[in-house]
């Protein structure tokens, strides 16, 4: 029996190591200045005043490592297969075409898994994607390229959903929102959830000017969860409709990571940092870790991966909402 399992495992490894045409490139002209690697910094800016810091949870540094599933499972819908391939290019550059900004690997233009020209709507997003490719070392680790994955999803739209379907898929998470489900015991966890989650829900319900929600969300200890009023869903649908299709792909991605529409709104609105949003989404797990201890290699890895995916999704939303080109300014003392 164990010999059969070993043969199956070996055959699977050979299949994984077979060369595949996941990246399609076409030869084309264009300059190729080498880009300096850039790192994602936590979101900051106007509107962050008064943001709370989960007092009962120890703050941890944001991981700069991001993760992208294997080409065997395209886009961000798949699981844990990890594919790497030898880096085949020297320089990464950006050129502006008719449909937007393109990524060039040497003199080859990057394309999507469906062989469409990889074109993004803003220069800032193009720079971020180019940085992902430029930061790869001897091997290309596709699972570290979330921004590239989200762009592929937006360009190819593998699930063939329109804007209304994307919005309703995101709002549907309100019915099972992580921070709306409460425990009845132990008392220490009940108090922790109240102290950490209630301020977020209160902010969402009374979100201030200029885009006031004025909705009712609430929480419940019932297995059925809270009853979300229809008006609340209508208000959030109207709010999400102000985002473009690309940004909505990022919002849904973040909601999927955090299992919470409310935390996603707080993160996108700069009310929460990535670290805060992730720890709040894992509140019960963090409570159990503090009580029973941490399996270092497992829990730490999972935490860093979740931070990376959440950070990439939030950055993607903001870059897709920026103006088309980057304004270059000369900084003077």
C-alpha atoms as a PDB file:
ATOM      1  CA  UNK A   1       0.000   0.000   0.000  1.00  0.00           C
ATOM      2  CA  UNK A   2       2.742   2.435   0.969  1.00  0.00           C
ATOM      3  CA  UNK A   3       4.576   1.659  -2.294  1.00  0.00           C
ATOM      4  CA  UNK A   4       1.442   2.624  -4.275  1.00  0.00           C
ATOM      5  CA  UNK A   5       1.191   5.896  -2.349  1.00  0.00           C
ATOM      6  CA  UNK A   6       4.856   6.590  -3.013  1.00  0.00           C
ATOM      7  CA  UNK A   7       4.411   5.982  -6.751  1.00  0.00           C
ATOM      8  CA  UNK A   8       1.376   8.315  -6.852  1.00  0.00           C
ATOM      9  CA  UNK A   9       3.309  10.976  -4.954  1.00  0.00           C
ATOM     10  CA  UNK A  10       6.271  10.660  -7.330  1.00  0.00           C
ATOM     11  CA  UNK A  11       4.000  10.865 -10.379  1.00  0.00           C
ATOM     12  CA  UNK A  12       2.365  13.986  -8.929  1.00  0.00           C
ATOM     13  CA  UNK A  13       5.770  15.597  -8.454  1.00  0.00           C
ATOM     14  CA  UNK A  14       6.685  14.878 -12.088  1.00  0.00           C
ATOM     15  CA  UNK A  15       3.431  16.481 -13.260  1.00  0.00           C
ATOM     16  CA  UNK A  16       4.079  19.559 -11.130  1.00  0.00           C
ATOM     17  CA  UNK A  17       7.614  19.893 -12.512  1.00  0.00           C
ATOM     18  CA  UNK A  18       6.541  19.685 -16.142  1.00  0.00           C
ATOM     19  CA  UNK A  19       7.069  22.968 -18.014  1.00  0.00           C
ATOM     20  CA  UNK A  20       3.831  24.779 -18.634  1.00  0.00           C
ATOM     21  CA  UNK A  21       2.862  27.870 -20.575  1.00  0.00           C
ATOM     22  CA  UNK A  22       1.428  29.836 -17.686  1.00  0.00           C
ATOM     23  CA  UNK A  23       3.125  33.025 -18.767  1.00  0.00           C
ATOM     24  CA  UNK A  24       2.619  34.101 -22.373  1.00  0.00           C
ATOM     25  CA  UNK A  25       4.771  36.883 -23.737  1.00  0.00           C
ATOM     26  CA  UNK A  26       5.031  38.537 -27.114  1.00  0.00           C
ATOM     27  CA  UNK A  27       7.993  40.389 -28.528  1.00  0.00           C
ATOM     28  CA  UNK A  28       7.572  44.126 -28.702  1.00  0.00           C
ATOM     29  CA  UNK A  29       9.628  47.307 -28.585  1.00  0.00           C
ATOM     30  CA  UNK A  30      10.008  49.529 -25.582  1.00  0.00           C
ATOM     31  CA  UNK A  31      12.521  50.875 -23.101  1.00  0.00           C
ATOM     32  CA  UNK A  32      13.590  48.627 -20.257  1.00  0.00           C
ATOM     33  CA  UNK A  33      14.848  50.640 -17.303  1.00  0.00           C
ATOM     34  CA  UNK A  34      15.334  48.406 -14.282  1.00  0.00           C
ATOM     35  CA  UNK A  35      12.872  49.277 -11.535  1.00  0.00           C
ATOM     36  CA  UNK A  36      13.915  49.578  -7.925  1.00  0.00           C
ATOM     37  CA  UNK A  37      12.026  47.198  -5.655  1.00  0.00           C
ATOM     38  CA  UNK A  38       9.381  48.891  -3.555  1.00  0.00           C
ATOM     39  CA  UNK A  39       7.782  47.618  -0.374  1.00  0.00           C
ATOM     40  CA  UNK A  40       4.182  48.078   0.664  1.00  0.00           C
ATOM     41  CA  UNK A  41       3.758  50.323   3.683  1.00  0.00           C
ATOM     42  CA  UNK A  42       0.705  50.200   5.974  1.00  0.00           C
ATOM     43  CA  UNK A  43      -2.136  52.440   4.847  1.00  0.00           C
ATOM     44  CA  UNK A  44      -2.063  55.873   6.432  1.00  0.00           C
ATOM     45  CA  UNK A  45      -3.571  59.226   5.634  1.00  0.00           C
ATOM     46  CA  UNK A  46      -6.437  61.581   6.373  1.00  0.00           C
ATOM     47  CA  UNK A  47      -9.294  60.020   8.265  1.00  0.00           C
ATOM     48  CA  UNK A  48      -7.148  57.751  10.434  1.00  0.00           C
ATOM     49  CA  UNK A  49      -7.392  59.996  13.478  1.00  0.00           C
ATOM     50  CA  UNK A  50      -9.130  58.332  16.373  1.00  0.00           C
ATOM     51  CA  UNK A  51      -8.510  54.837  15.064  1.00  0.00           C
ATOM     52  CA  UNK A  52      -8.367  52.409  17.952  1.00  0.00           C
ATOM     53  CA  UNK A  53      -5.662  49.890  18.741  1.00  0.00           C
ATOM     54  CA  UNK A  54      -6.834  46.474  19.972  1.00  0.00           C
ATOM     55  CA  UNK A  55      -5.511  46.801  23.498  1.00  0.00           C
ATOM     56  CA  UNK A  56      -5.728  43.160  24.487  1.00  0.00           C
ATOM     57  CA  UNK A  57      -3.758  41.962  21.469  1.00  0.00           C
ATOM     58  CA  UNK A  58      -0.039  42.353  21.059  1.00  0.00           C
ATOM     59  CA  UNK A  59       0.888  44.382  17.994  1.00  0.00           C
ATOM     60  CA  UNK A  60       2.941  42.550  15.402  1.00  0.00           C
ATOM     61  CA  UNK A  61       4.926  43.876  12.410  1.00  0.00           C
ATOM     62  CA  UNK A  62       3.347  43.741   8.954  1.00  0.00           C
ATOM     63  CA  UNK A  63       4.810  41.083   6.708  1.00  0.00           C
ATOM     64  CA  UNK A  64       6.078  42.365   3.364  1.00  0.00           C
ATOM     65  CA  UNK A  65       5.878  38.882   1.866  1.00  0.00           C
ATOM     66  CA  UNK A  66       2.805  38.282  -0.285  1.00  0.00           C
ATOM     67  CA  UNK A  67       1.380  35.043  -1.594  1.00  0.00           C
ATOM     68  CA  UNK A  68      -0.072  33.907  -4.951  1.00  0.00           C
ATOM     69  CA  UNK A  69      -1.475  30.434  -5.713  1.00  0.00           C
ATOM     70  CA  UNK A  70       0.075  28.186  -8.342  1.00  0.00           C
ATOM     71  CA  UNK A  71      -0.791  28.506 -12.010  1.00  0.00           C
ATOM     72  CA  UNK A  72      -2.418  25.095 -11.616  1.00  0.00           C
ATOM     73  CA  UNK A  73      -5.161  26.960  -9.750  1.00  0.00           C
ATOM     74  CA  UNK A  74      -5.427  30.275 -11.590  1.00  0.00           C
ATOM     75  CA  UNK A  75      -6.338  33.617 -10.046  1.00  0.00           C
ATOM     76  CA  UNK A  76      -7.002  33.775  -6.309  1.00  0.00           C
ATOM     77  CA  UNK A  77      -9.601  31.023  -6.165  1.00  0.00           C
ATOM     78  CA  UNK A  78      -7.310  28.068  -5.562  1.00  0.00           C
ATOM     79  CA  UNK A  79      -5.501  26.371  -2.729  1.00  0.00           C
ATOM     80  CA  UNK A  80      -1.989  25.670  -1.622  1.00  0.00           C
ATOM     81  CA  UNK A  81      -0.091  24.299  -4.633  1.00  0.00           C
ATOM     82  CA  UNK A  82       3.158  26.228  -5.005  1.00  0.00           C
ATOM     83  CA  UNK A  83       4.845  26.562  -8.362  1.00  0.00           C
ATOM     84  CA  UNK A  84       8.177  28.136  -9.109  1.00  0.00           C
ATOM     85  CA  UNK A  85      10.096  28.504 -12.343  1.00  0.00           C
ATOM     86  CA  UNK A  86      13.478  29.865 -13.293  1.00  0.00           C
ATOM     87  CA  UNK A  87      13.565  33.596 -13.897  1.00  0.00           C
ATOM     88  CA  UNK A  88      13.825  34.106 -17.659  1.00  0.00           C
ATOM     89  CA  UNK A  89      14.087  37.912 -17.852  1.00  0.00           C
ATOM     90  CA  UNK A  90      16.583  40.547 -16.762  1.00  0.00           C
ATOM     91  CA  UNK A  91      14.691  43.838 -16.795  1.00  0.00           C
ATOM     92  CA  UNK A  92      11.132  44.906 -16.008  1.00  0.00           C
ATOM     93  CA  UNK A  93       9.655  48.057 -17.494  1.00  0.00           C
ATOM     94  CA  UNK A  94       6.347  49.836 -18.036  1.00  0.00           C
ATOM     95  CA  UNK A  95       4.981  51.301 -21.254  1.00  0.00           C
ATOM     96  CA  UNK A  96       1.741  53.150 -21.875  1.00  0.00           C
ATOM     97  CA  UNK A  97      -0.441  51.709 -24.610  1.00  0.00           C
ATOM     98  CA  UNK A  98      -3.865  52.474 -26.003  1.00  0.00           C
ATOM     99  CA  UNK A  99      -5.676  50.447 -23.344  1.00  0.00           C
ATOM    100  CA  UNK A 100      -3.592  51.480 -20.358  1.00  0.00           C
ATOM    101  CA  UNK A 101      -0.210  50.605 -18.885  1.00  0.00           C
ATOM    102  CA  UNK A 102       1.618  47.436 -19.929  1.00  0.00           C
ATOM    103  CA  UNK A 103       4.320  45.373 -18.210  1.00  0.00           C
ATOM    104  CA  UNK A 104       7.394  44.399 -20.224  1.00  0.00           C
ATOM    105  CA  UNK A 105       9.751  41.575 -19.255  1.00  0.00           C
ATOM    106  CA  UNK A 106      12.832  42.530 -21.282  1.00  0.00           C
ATOM    107  CA  UNK A 107      11.206  43.063 -24.708  1.00  0.00           C
ATOM    108  CA  UNK A 108       8.292  40.715 -24.127  1.00  0.00           C
ATOM    109  CA  UNK A 109       4.856  41.957 -23.121  1.00  0.00           C
ATOM    110  CA  UNK A 110       3.188  40.205 -20.217  1.00  0.00           C
ATOM    111  CA  UNK A 111      -0.122  38.446 -20.891  1.00  0.00           C
ATOM    112  CA  UNK A 112      -2.838  36.910 -18.729  1.00  0.00           C
ATOM    113  CA  UNK A 113      -3.589  33.162 -18.317  1.00  0.00           C
ATOM    114  CA  UNK A 114      -6.213  33.598 -21.068  1.00  0.00           C
ATOM    115  CA  UNK A 115      -3.572  35.170 -23.358  1.00  0.00           C
ATOM    116  CA  UNK A 116      -4.969  38.682 -23.106  1.00  0.00           C
ATOM    117  CA  UNK A 117      -2.543  41.590 -23.074  1.00  0.00           C
ATOM    118  CA  UNK A 118      -1.765  42.416 -19.442  1.00  0.00           C
ATOM    119  CA  UNK A 119      -2.937  46.029 -19.251  1.00  0.00           C
ATOM    120  CA  UNK A 120      -3.768  47.919 -16.065  1.00  0.00           C
ATOM    121  CA  UNK A 121      -5.715  51.188 -15.779  1.00  0.00           C
ATOM    122  CA  UNK A 122      -3.263  53.224 -13.665  1.00  0.00           C
ATOM    123  CA  UNK A 123       0.464  53.877 -13.634  1.00  0.00           C
ATOM    124  CA  UNK A 124       0.625  53.381  -9.860  1.00  0.00           C
ATOM    125  CA  UNK A 125      -0.785  49.866 -10.192  1.00  0.00           C
ATOM    126  CA  UNK A 126       1.578  49.131 -13.080  1.00  0.00           C
ATOM    127  CA  UNK A 127       4.545  50.175 -10.928  1.00  0.00           C
ATOM    128  CA  UNK A 128       3.374  47.920  -8.107  1.00  0.00           C
ATOM    129  CA  UNK A 129       2.943  44.919 -10.416  1.00  0.00           C
ATOM    130  CA  UNK A 130       6.305  45.592 -12.088  1.00  0.00           C
ATOM    131  CA  UNK A 131       7.862  45.649  -8.620  1.00  0.00           C
ATOM    132  CA  UNK A 132       6.455  42.176  -7.928  1.00  0.00           C
ATOM    133  CA  UNK A 133       8.128  40.826 -11.060  1.00  0.00           C
ATOM    134  CA  UNK A 134      11.350  42.750 -10.499  1.00  0.00           C
ATOM    135  CA  UNK A 135      11.659  41.521  -6.893  1.00  0.00           C
ATOM    136  CA  UNK A 136      11.756  37.863  -7.977  1.00  0.00           C
ATOM    137  CA  UNK A 137      15.226  36.396  -7.582  1.00  0.00           C
ATOM    138  CA  UNK A 138      16.627  33.337  -9.390  1.00  0.00           C
ATOM    139  CA  UNK A 139      13.199  31.695  -9.404  1.00  0.00           C
ATOM    140  CA  UNK A 140       9.776  33.217 -10.004  1.00  0.00           C
ATOM    141  CA  UNK A 141       7.563  32.441  -7.032  1.00  0.00           C
ATOM    142  CA  UNK A 142       4.089  32.965  -8.419  1.00  0.00           C
ATOM    143  CA  UNK A 143       2.527  32.484  -4.983  1.00  0.00           C
ATOM    144  CA  UNK A 144       4.168  35.736  -3.855  1.00  0.00           C
ATOM    145  CA  UNK A 145       2.436  37.850  -6.515  1.00  0.00           C
ATOM    146  CA  UNK A 146      -1.051  38.772  -5.280  1.00  0.00           C
ATOM    147  CA  UNK A 147      -1.288  42.029  -7.235  1.00  0.00           C
ATOM    148  CA  UNK A 148      -0.499  40.195 -10.474  1.00  0.00           C
ATOM    149  CA  UNK A 149      -3.143  37.613  -9.574  1.00  0.00           C
ATOM    150  CA  UNK A 150      -5.798  40.244  -8.876  1.00  0.00           C
ATOM    151  CA  UNK A 151      -5.015  41.983 -12.183  1.00  0.00           C
ATOM    152  CA  UNK A 152      -5.347  38.656 -14.024  1.00  0.00           C
ATOM    153  CA  UNK A 153      -8.709  38.107 -12.339  1.00  0.00           C
ATOM    154  CA  UNK A 154      -9.906  41.585 -13.318  1.00  0.00           C
ATOM    155  CA  UNK A 155      -8.744  41.210 -16.922  1.00  0.00           C
ATOM    156  CA  UNK A 156      -9.907  37.649 -17.581  1.00  0.00           C
ATOM    157  CA  UNK A 157     -12.961  37.682 -15.268  1.00  0.00           C
ATOM    158  CA  UNK A 158     -12.914  33.850 -15.026  1.00  0.00           C
ATOM    159  CA  UNK A 159     -16.238  33.699 -13.187  1.00  0.00           C
ATOM    160  CA  UNK A 160     -17.866  35.981 -15.787  1.00  0.00           C
ATOM    161  CA  UNK A 161     -19.570  38.196 -13.207  1.00  0.00           C
ATOM    162  CA  UNK A 162     -20.790  41.729 -13.795  1.00  0.00           C
ATOM    163  CA  UNK A 163     -20.535  44.663 -11.395  1.00  0.00           C
ATOM    164  CA  UNK A 164     -23.878  44.022  -9.722  1.00  0.00           C
ATOM    165  CA  UNK A 165     -22.973  40.382  -9.049  1.00  0.00           C
ATOM    166  CA  UNK A 166     -19.620  41.377  -7.529  1.00  0.00           C
ATOM    167  CA  UNK A 167     -21.304  43.874  -5.224  1.00  0.00           C
ATOM    168  CA  UNK A 168     -23.972  41.451  -4.048  1.00  0.00           C
ATOM    169  CA  UNK A 169     -21.392  38.718  -3.461  1.00  0.00           C
ATOM    170  CA  UNK A 170     -19.454  41.060  -1.154  1.00  0.00           C
ATOM    171  CA  UNK A 171     -22.546  42.329   0.695  1.00  0.00           C
ATOM    172  CA  UNK A 172     -23.747  38.740   1.220  1.00  0.00           C
ATOM    173  CA  UNK A 173     -20.850  38.294   3.679  1.00  0.00           C
ATOM    174  CA  UNK A 174     -22.790  40.506   6.095  1.00  0.00           C
ATOM    175  CA  UNK A 175     -25.069  37.536   6.802  1.00  0.00           C
ATOM    176  CA  UNK A 176     -22.121  35.549   8.178  1.00  0.00           C
ATOM    177  CA  UNK A 177     -19.802  38.394   9.203  1.00  0.00           C
ATOM    178  CA  UNK A 178     -17.145  37.225  11.658  1.00  0.00           C
ATOM    179  CA  UNK A 179     -17.520  40.101  14.106  1.00  0.00           C
ATOM    180  CA  UNK A 180     -21.319  39.778  14.230  1.00  0.00           C
ATOM    181  CA  UNK A 181     -21.169  36.260  15.679  1.00  0.00           C
ATOM    182  CA  UNK A 182     -20.618  36.224  19.455  1.00  0.00           C
ATOM    183  CA  UNK A 183     -19.986  33.483  21.982  1.00  0.00           C
ATOM    184  CA  UNK A 184     -21.868  33.082  25.280  1.00  0.00           C
ATOM    185  CA  UNK A 185     -18.879  31.687  27.182  1.00  0.00           C
ATOM    186  CA  UNK A 186     -16.233  31.838  28.536  1.00  0.00           C
ATOM    187  CA  UNK A 187     -16.815  35.234  30.078  1.00  0.00           C
ATOM    188  CA  UNK A 188     -13.305  36.457  29.288  1.00  0.00           C
ATOM    189  CA  UNK A 189     -13.824  35.841  25.554  1.00  0.00           C
ATOM    190  CA  UNK A 190     -17.295  37.396  25.686  1.00  0.00           C
ATOM    191  CA  UNK A 191     -15.754  40.540  27.180  1.00  0.00           C
ATOM    192  CA  UNK A 192     -12.905  40.507  24.667  1.00  0.00           C
ATOM    193  CA  UNK A 193     -15.304  40.352  21.710  1.00  0.00           C
ATOM    194  CA  UNK A 194     -17.385  43.158  23.168  1.00  0.00           C
ATOM    195  CA  UNK A 195     -14.377  45.416  23.788  1.00  0.00           C
ATOM    196  CA  UNK A 196     -12.697  44.809  20.431  1.00  0.00           C
ATOM    197  CA  UNK A 197     -15.558  44.259  17.976  1.00  0.00           C
ATOM    198  CA  UNK A 198     -18.258  46.620  19.247  1.00  0.00           C
ATOM    199  CA  UNK A 199     -16.282  49.809  18.416  1.00  0.00           C
ATOM    200  CA  UNK A 200     -15.861  48.615  14.818  1.00  0.00           C
ATOM    201  CA  UNK A 201     -19.575  47.897  14.417  1.00  0.00           C
ATOM    202  CA  UNK A 202     -20.439  51.231  16.030  1.00  0.00           C
ATOM    203  CA  UNK A 203     -18.127  53.037  13.606  1.00  0.00           C
ATOM    204  CA  UNK A 204     -19.703  51.247  10.634  1.00  0.00           C
ATOM    205  CA  UNK A 205     -23.214  52.078  11.799  1.00  0.00           C
ATOM    206  CA  UNK A 206     -22.392  55.759  12.373  1.00  0.00           C
ATOM    207  CA  UNK A 207     -19.699  56.317   9.772  1.00  0.00           C
ATOM    208  CA  UNK A 208     -19.120  60.085   9.681  1.00  0.00           C
ATOM    209  CA  UNK A 209     -19.297  62.627   6.864  1.00  0.00           C
ATOM    210  CA  UNK A 210     -18.861  62.742   3.890  1.00  0.00           C
ATOM    211  CA  UNK A 211     -20.135  59.198   3.277  1.00  0.00           C
ATOM    212  CA  UNK A 212     -22.318  58.479   6.281  1.00  0.00           C
ATOM    213  CA  UNK A 213     -23.768  54.975   6.374  1.00  0.00           C
ATOM    214  CA  UNK A 214     -26.396  55.428   9.090  1.00  0.00           C
ATOM    215  CA  UNK A 215     -27.219  51.723   9.120  1.00  0.00           C
ATOM    216  CA  UNK A 216     -27.988  49.007  11.647  1.00  0.00           C
ATOM    217  CA  UNK A 217     -25.753  45.933  11.841  1.00  0.00           C
ATOM    218  CA  UNK A 218     -25.718  44.586  15.396  1.00  0.00           C
ATOM    219  CA  UNK A 219     -24.503  41.210  16.683  1.00  0.00           C
ATOM    220  CA  UNK A 220     -25.951  37.945  17.939  1.00  0.00           C
ATOM    221  CA  UNK A 221     -25.054  34.807  19.887  1.00  0.00           C
ATOM    222  CA  UNK A 222     -27.504  32.768  17.796  1.00  0.00           C
ATOM    223  CA  UNK A 223     -26.097  30.231  15.362  1.00  0.00           C
ATOM    224  CA  UNK A 224     -28.259  31.931  12.733  1.00  0.00           C
ATOM    225  CA  UNK A 225     -26.407  35.194  13.263  1.00  0.00           C
ATOM    226  CA  UNK A 226     -27.892  38.690  13.405  1.00  0.00           C
ATOM    227  CA  UNK A 227     -30.794  39.758  11.253  1.00  0.00           C
ATOM    228  CA  UNK A 228     -29.403  42.393   8.879  1.00  0.00           C
ATOM    229  CA  UNK A 229     -32.092  44.913   7.853  1.00  0.00           C
ATOM    230  CA  UNK A 230     -32.788  45.253   4.145  1.00  0.00           C
ATOM    231  CA  UNK A 231     -32.003  48.983   4.296  1.00  0.00           C
ATOM    232  CA  UNK A 232     -28.492  48.214   5.591  1.00  0.00           C
ATOM    233  CA  UNK A 233     -27.801  46.007   2.597  1.00  0.00           C
ATOM    234  CA  UNK A 234     -29.245  48.609   0.218  1.00  0.00           C
ATOM    235  CA  UNK A 235     -27.018  51.365   1.660  1.00  0.00           C
ATOM    236  CA  UNK A 236     -23.889  49.219   1.374  1.00  0.00           C
ATOM    237  CA  UNK A 237     -24.803  48.150  -2.157  1.00  0.00           C
ATOM    238  CA  UNK A 238     -25.162  51.822  -3.085  1.00  0.00           C
ATOM    239  CA  UNK A 239     -21.805  52.620  -1.464  1.00  0.00           C
ATOM    240  CA  UNK A 240     -19.962  49.790  -3.238  1.00  0.00           C
ATOM    241  CA  UNK A 241     -21.471  50.865  -6.555  1.00  0.00           C
ATOM    242  CA  UNK A 242     -19.216  53.938  -6.374  1.00  0.00           C
ATOM    243  CA  UNK A 243     -16.177  51.676  -6.937  1.00  0.00           C
ATOM    244  CA  UNK A 244     -15.060  50.467 -10.358  1.00  0.00           C
ATOM    245  CA  UNK A 245     -14.936  46.787 -11.357  1.00  0.00           C
ATOM    246  CA  UNK A 246     -11.227  46.436 -10.588  1.00  0.00           C
ATOM    247  CA  UNK A 247     -11.567  47.869  -7.082  1.00  0.00           C
ATOM    248  CA  UNK A 248     -14.573  45.612  -6.427  1.00  0.00           C
ATOM    249  CA  UNK A 249     -12.458  42.555  -7.256  1.00  0.00           C
ATOM    250  CA  UNK A 250     -10.019  43.717  -4.590  1.00  0.00           C
ATOM    251  CA  UNK A 251     -12.768  44.400  -2.061  1.00  0.00           C
ATOM    252  CA  UNK A 252     -14.258  40.933  -2.517  1.00  0.00           C
ATOM    253  CA  UNK A 253     -10.774  39.437  -2.149  1.00  0.00           C
ATOM    254  CA  UNK A 254     -10.220  41.233   1.172  1.00  0.00           C
ATOM    255  CA  UNK A 255     -13.694  40.288   2.419  1.00  0.00           C
ATOM    256  CA  UNK A 256     -12.889  36.656   1.632  1.00  0.00           C
ATOM    257  CA  UNK A 257      -9.633  36.848   3.605  1.00  0.00           C
ATOM    258  CA  UNK A 258     -11.098  38.540   6.686  1.00  0.00           C
ATOM    259  CA  UNK A 259     -14.485  36.782   6.508  1.00  0.00           C
ATOM    260  CA  UNK A 260     -15.941  40.174   7.344  1.00  0.00           C
ATOM    261  CA  UNK A 261     -17.541  42.946   5.319  1.00  0.00           C
ATOM    262  CA  UNK A 262     -17.396  45.304   8.326  1.00  0.00           C
ATOM    263  CA  UNK A 263     -13.644  44.852   8.865  1.00  0.00           C
ATOM    264  CA  UNK A 264     -13.050  45.284   5.138  1.00  0.00           C
ATOM    265  CA  UNK A 265     -14.912  48.604   5.158  1.00  0.00           C
ATOM    266  CA  UNK A 266     -12.829  49.755   8.127  1.00  0.00           C
ATOM    267  CA  UNK A 267      -9.603  48.758   6.378  1.00  0.00           C
ATOM    268  CA  UNK A 268     -10.443  50.320   3.006  1.00  0.00           C
ATOM    269  CA  UNK A 269     -11.640  53.473   4.775  1.00  0.00           C
ATOM    270  CA  UNK A 270      -8.270  53.683   6.627  1.00  0.00           C
ATOM    271  CA  UNK A 271      -9.988  53.300   9.981  1.00  0.00           C
ATOM    272  CA  UNK A 272      -8.050  50.085  10.621  1.00  0.00           C
ATOM    273  CA  UNK A 273      -4.508  49.068   9.754  1.00  0.00           C
ATOM    274  CA  UNK A 274      -3.802  45.721   8.132  1.00  0.00           C
ATOM    275  CA  UNK A 275      -2.474  44.333  11.418  1.00  0.00           C
ATOM    276  CA  UNK A 276      -5.585  45.454  13.318  1.00  0.00           C
ATOM    277  CA  UNK A 277      -8.022  44.091  10.734  1.00  0.00           C
ATOM    278  CA  UNK A 278      -6.275  40.708  10.617  1.00  0.00           C
ATOM    279  CA  UNK A 279      -6.040  40.344  14.398  1.00  0.00           C
ATOM    280  CA  UNK A 280      -9.680  41.331  14.820  1.00  0.00           C
ATOM    281  CA  UNK A 281     -10.684  38.720  12.232  1.00  0.00           C
ATOM    282  CA  UNK A 282      -8.740  36.108  14.231  1.00  0.00           C
ATOM    283  CA  UNK A 283      -9.837  37.274  17.661  1.00  0.00           C
ATOM    284  CA  UNK A 284     -11.046  33.914  18.982  1.00  0.00           C
ATOM    285  CA  UNK A 285      -8.010  32.115  17.564  1.00  0.00           C
ATOM    286  CA  UNK A 286      -5.674  34.661  19.154  1.00  0.00           C
ATOM    287  CA  UNK A 287      -7.511  34.178  22.452  1.00  0.00           C
ATOM    288  CA  UNK A 288      -6.974  30.412  22.264  1.00  0.00           C
ATOM    289  CA  UNK A 289      -3.307  30.898  21.366  1.00  0.00           C
ATOM    290  CA  UNK A 290      -2.762  33.179  24.347  1.00  0.00           C
ATOM    291  CA  UNK A 291      -4.466  30.640  26.584  1.00  0.00           C
ATOM    292  CA  UNK A 292      -3.006  27.361  25.286  1.00  0.00           C
ATOM    293  CA  UNK A 293       0.141  28.459  23.478  1.00  0.00           C
ATOM    294  CA  UNK A 294       1.321  28.896  19.910  1.00  0.00           C
ATOM    295  CA  UNK A 295       2.424  26.275  17.376  1.00  0.00           C
ATOM    296  CA  UNK A 296       5.121  28.571  16.056  1.00  0.00           C
ATOM    297  CA  UNK A 297       5.705  27.261  12.562  1.00  0.00           C
ATOM    298  CA  UNK A 298       1.979  26.806  11.848  1.00  0.00           C
ATOM    299  CA  UNK A 299       0.246  29.741  13.516  1.00  0.00           C
ATOM    300  CA  UNK A 300       2.933  32.280  12.623  1.00  0.00           C
ATOM    301  CA  UNK A 301       2.988  31.197   8.989  1.00  0.00           C
ATOM    302  CA  UNK A 302      -0.791  31.385   8.725  1.00  0.00           C
ATOM    303  CA  UNK A 303      -0.796  34.845  10.307  1.00  0.00           C
ATOM    304  CA  UNK A 304       1.873  36.190   7.953  1.00  0.00           C
ATOM    305  CA  UNK A 305       0.101  34.756   4.922  1.00  0.00           C
ATOM    306  CA  UNK A 306      -3.203  36.339   5.944  1.00  0.00           C
ATOM    307  CA  UNK A 307      -1.538  39.699   6.550  1.00  0.00           C
ATOM    308  CA  UNK A 308       0.137  39.519   3.166  1.00  0.00           C
ATOM    309  CA  UNK A 309      -3.048  38.695   1.264  1.00  0.00           C
ATOM    310  CA  UNK A 310      -5.045  41.334   3.123  1.00  0.00           C
ATOM    311  CA  UNK A 311      -2.379  44.000   2.571  1.00  0.00           C
ATOM    312  CA  UNK A 312      -2.180  43.202  -1.133  1.00  0.00           C
ATOM    313  CA  UNK A 313      -5.965  43.345  -1.525  1.00  0.00           C
ATOM    314  CA  UNK A 314      -6.246  46.679   0.294  1.00  0.00           C
ATOM    315  CA  UNK A 315      -3.386  48.142  -1.719  1.00  0.00           C
ATOM    316  CA  UNK A 316      -5.007  46.894  -4.938  1.00  0.00           C
ATOM    317  CA  UNK A 317      -8.294  48.642  -4.092  1.00  0.00           C
ATOM    318  CA  UNK A 318      -6.544  51.962  -3.468  1.00  0.00           C
ATOM    319  CA  UNK A 319      -4.309  51.722  -6.545  1.00  0.00           C
ATOM    320  CA  UNK A 320      -7.350  50.953  -8.718  1.00  0.00           C
ATOM    321  CA  UNK A 321      -9.089  54.016  -7.315  1.00  0.00           C
ATOM    322  CA  UNK A 322      -6.171  56.384  -7.996  1.00  0.00           C
ATOM    323  CA  UNK A 323      -5.783  58.664 -11.008  1.00  0.00           C
ATOM    324  CA  UNK A 324      -4.410  57.160 -14.220  1.00  0.00           C
ATOM    325  CA  UNK A 325      -0.900  58.571 -14.031  1.00  0.00           C
ATOM    326  CA  UNK A 326       1.516  59.241 -11.230  1.00  0.00           C
ATOM    327  CA  UNK A 327       2.335  62.903 -10.704  1.00  0.00           C
ATOM    328  CA  UNK A 328       6.082  63.271 -10.385  1.00  0.00           C
ATOM    329  CA  UNK A 329       7.006  65.999  -7.925  1.00  0.00           C
ATOM    330  CA  UNK A 330      10.385  67.489  -7.110  1.00  0.00           C
ATOM    331  CA  UNK A 331      10.821  67.487  -3.356  1.00  0.00           C
ATOM    332  CA  UNK A 332      12.687  70.484  -2.034  1.00  0.00           C
ATOM    333  CA  UNK A 333      13.925  71.245   1.434  1.00  0.00           C
END
